[in-house]
Amino acid sequence: MQTQPGDLFVLRNAGNLIPPYGASNGGEGATVEYAISALDVKHALVMGHSNCGAMKGLIHPESLADMPLVSEWLRHADATRRIVDECYPDLKDDDLLNAAIKENVLVQLDNLRTYPKVAALMAKGALTLHGWIYEIEN
């Protein structure tokens, strides 16, 4: 992204998940709040990436049998799973994975909008949300 140290404040986790406001006691909500309140962040970005292992687990939950914490974490992407199941029933393999990756970015942006401070700043035009997909292969 051609940035200097300190230009970005990064929250990184499996599946680029942002639990809806009040749904989790993890650090995601606190990180979002700190970034927009204390650091005066003007642009928030949810970035998915190609070949995402978390999204593979979301569409193939049986692969998570030995990872109960990952399986539980991915419950914050239940809306993504439902969208993929209902809107892309004919897709398979990489096409299904790519649809899940893209839809998940949109779902997580929706979750981010549930934070009162995010909603207020967006309404004032003081915060802009962005969704990106990083293609690792390219």
Protein backbone atom coordinates (compact mmCIF):
# COMPACT_ATOMS: atom_id res chain seq x y z
CA MET A 1 0.00 0.00 0.00
CA GLN A 2 3.09 2.21 -0.18
CA THR A 3 2.68 3.51 3.36
CA GLN A 4 5.08 4.47 6.10
CA PRO A 5 5.19 3.03 9.62
CA GLY A 6 2.31 4.51 11.57
CA ASP A 7 0.18 5.25 8.50
CA LEU A 8 -1.99 2.17 9.06
CA PHE A 9 -3.63 0.85 12.20
CA VAL A 10 -4.23 -2.85 11.55
CA LEU A 11 -6.66 -5.30 13.09
CA ARG A 12 -6.01 -8.74 11.67
CA ASN A 13 -7.80 -12.00 12.39
CA ALA A 14 -8.96 -15.21 10.76
CA GLY A 15 -11.62 -14.40 8.18
CA ASN A 16 -11.30 -10.62 8.57
CA LEU A 17 -14.30 -10.80 10.91
CA ILE A 18 -15.87 -7.87 12.73
CA PRO A 19 -18.47 -9.20 15.17
CA PRO A 20 -21.57 -7.00 15.29
CA TYR A 21 -21.61 -4.43 18.07
CA GLY A 22 -22.09 -6.14 21.44
CA ALA A 23 -21.78 -9.68 20.06
CA SER A 24 -18.28 -10.40 21.34
CA ASN A 25 -15.96 -9.49 24.17
CA GLY A 26 -12.92 -9.84 21.93
CA GLY A 27 -10.57 -7.07 20.97
CA GLU A 28 -12.17 -6.25 17.61
CA GLY A 29 -14.74 -3.81 18.95
CA ALA A 30 -12.21 -2.12 21.23
CA THR A 31 -9.77 -1.82 18.34
CA VAL A 32 -12.39 -0.26 16.09
CA GLU A 33 -13.43 2.16 18.82
CA TYR A 34 -9.83 3.15 19.56
CA ALA A 35 -8.98 3.65 15.89
CA ILE A 36 -11.89 5.94 15.14
CA SER A 37 -12.04 7.77 18.49
CA ALA A 38 -8.45 8.10 19.68
CA LEU A 39 -6.60 7.97 16.37
CA ASP A 40 -9.23 9.85 14.35
CA VAL A 41 -9.13 7.28 11.54
CA LYS A 42 -11.05 8.56 8.51
CA HIS A 43 -11.04 5.41 6.36
CA ALA A 44 -11.79 1.90 7.61
CA LEU A 45 -11.00 -0.99 5.31
CA VAL A 46 -12.18 -4.59 5.47
CA MET A 47 -9.83 -6.65 3.34
CA GLY A 48 -10.49 -10.22 2.37
CA HIS A 49 -7.97 -12.24 0.41
CA SER A 50 -7.88 -14.96 -2.18
CA ASN A 51 -7.61 -18.59 -1.10
CA CYS A 52 -8.82 -17.68 2.42
CA GLY A 53 -8.59 -20.63 4.78
CA ALA A 54 -11.26 -19.23 7.08
CA MET A 55 -13.74 -19.00 4.21
CA LYS A 56 -12.80 -22.54 3.17
CA GLY A 57 -13.73 -23.61 6.69
CA LEU A 58 -16.96 -21.64 6.52
CA ILE A 59 -18.15 -23.42 3.38
CA HIS A 60 -16.72 -26.80 4.48
CA PRO A 61 -17.36 -26.86 8.25
CA GLU A 62 -16.44 -30.54 8.44
CA SER A 63 -12.82 -29.47 7.87
CA LEU A 64 -12.91 -27.71 11.24
CA ALA A 65 -13.69 -30.81 13.31
CA ASP A 66 -10.34 -30.54 15.12
CA MET A 67 -10.55 -26.74 15.47
CA PRO A 68 -13.49 -25.93 17.75
CA LEU A 69 -12.28 -22.40 18.49
CA VAL A 70 -12.03 -21.56 14.79
CA SER A 71 -15.44 -23.09 14.21
CA GLU A 72 -16.92 -20.97 17.00
CA TRP A 73 -15.16 -17.82 15.73
CA LEU A 74 -16.63 -18.33 12.27
CA ARG A 75 -20.12 -18.03 13.73
CA HIS A 76 -19.54 -14.30 13.21
CA ALA A 77 -19.76 -15.12 9.50
CA ASP A 78 -23.08 -16.99 9.69
CA ALA A 79 -24.69 -14.34 7.47
CA THR A 80 -21.99 -14.96 4.87
CA ARG A 81 -22.69 -18.69 4.96
CA ARG A 82 -26.42 -18.09 4.55
CA ILE A 83 -25.92 -15.69 1.63
CA VAL A 84 -23.60 -18.11 -0.13
CA ASP A 85 -25.97 -21.05 0.44
CA GLU A 86 -29.02 -19.18 -0.82
CA CYS A 87 -27.53 -17.06 -3.61
CA TYR A 88 -24.87 -19.32 -5.09
CA PRO A 89 -26.27 -22.88 -4.98
CA ASP A 90 -24.76 -23.82 -8.35
CA LEU A 91 -21.19 -22.72 -7.62
CA LYS A 92 -18.48 -25.21 -6.71
CA ASP A 93 -14.85 -25.25 -5.65
CA ASP A 94 -12.90 -22.03 -6.37
CA ASP A 95 -15.97 -20.19 -7.68
CA LEU A 96 -17.83 -20.90 -4.44
CA LEU A 97 -14.81 -19.89 -2.36
CA ASN A 98 -14.42 -16.63 -4.28
CA ALA A 99 -18.10 -15.83 -3.79
CA ALA A 100 -17.76 -16.49 -0.06
CA ILE A 101 -14.68 -14.25 0.18
CA LYS A 102 -16.43 -11.37 -1.58
CA GLU A 103 -19.72 -11.72 0.28
CA ASN A 104 -17.89 -11.94 3.58
CA VAL A 105 -16.23 -8.57 3.03
CA LEU A 106 -19.68 -7.06 2.46
CA VAL A 107 -21.13 -8.77 5.55
CA GLN A 108 -18.25 -7.56 7.71
CA LEU A 109 -18.74 -4.01 6.45
CA ASP A 110 -22.39 -4.33 7.48
CA ASN A 111 -21.26 -5.54 10.92
CA LEU A 112 -18.92 -2.57 11.22
CA ARG A 113 -21.86 -0.24 10.58
CA THR A 114 -23.58 -1.62 13.72
CA TYR A 115 -21.07 0.21 15.94
CA PRO A 116 -22.75 3.41 17.15
CA LYS A 117 -19.63 5.53 16.76
CA VAL A 118 -19.07 4.19 13.23
CA ALA A 119 -22.67 4.96 12.28
CA ALA A 120 -22.45 8.47 13.74
CA LEU A 121 -19.18 9.30 12.00
CA MET A 122 -20.47 7.94 8.71
CA ALA A 123 -23.62 10.03 9.02
CA LYS A 124 -21.44 13.13 9.49
CA GLY A 125 -19.25 12.19 6.54
CA ALA A 126 -16.25 11.84 8.86
CA LEU A 127 -15.65 8.12 8.22
CA THR A 128 -15.66 6.14 5.00
CA LEU A 129 -15.75 2.35 4.82
CA HIS A 130 -14.03 0.37 2.07
CA GLY A 131 -14.08 -3.30 1.09
CA TRP A 132 -11.12 -4.82 -0.74
CA ILE A 133 -10.05 -8.25 -1.91
CA TYR A 134 -6.33 -8.88 -1.98
CA GLU A 135 -5.33 -11.38 -4.64
CA ILE A 136 -2.31 -13.08 -3.10
CA GLU A 137 -1.37 -14.81 -6.34
CA ASN A 138 -1.00 -11.52 -8.21
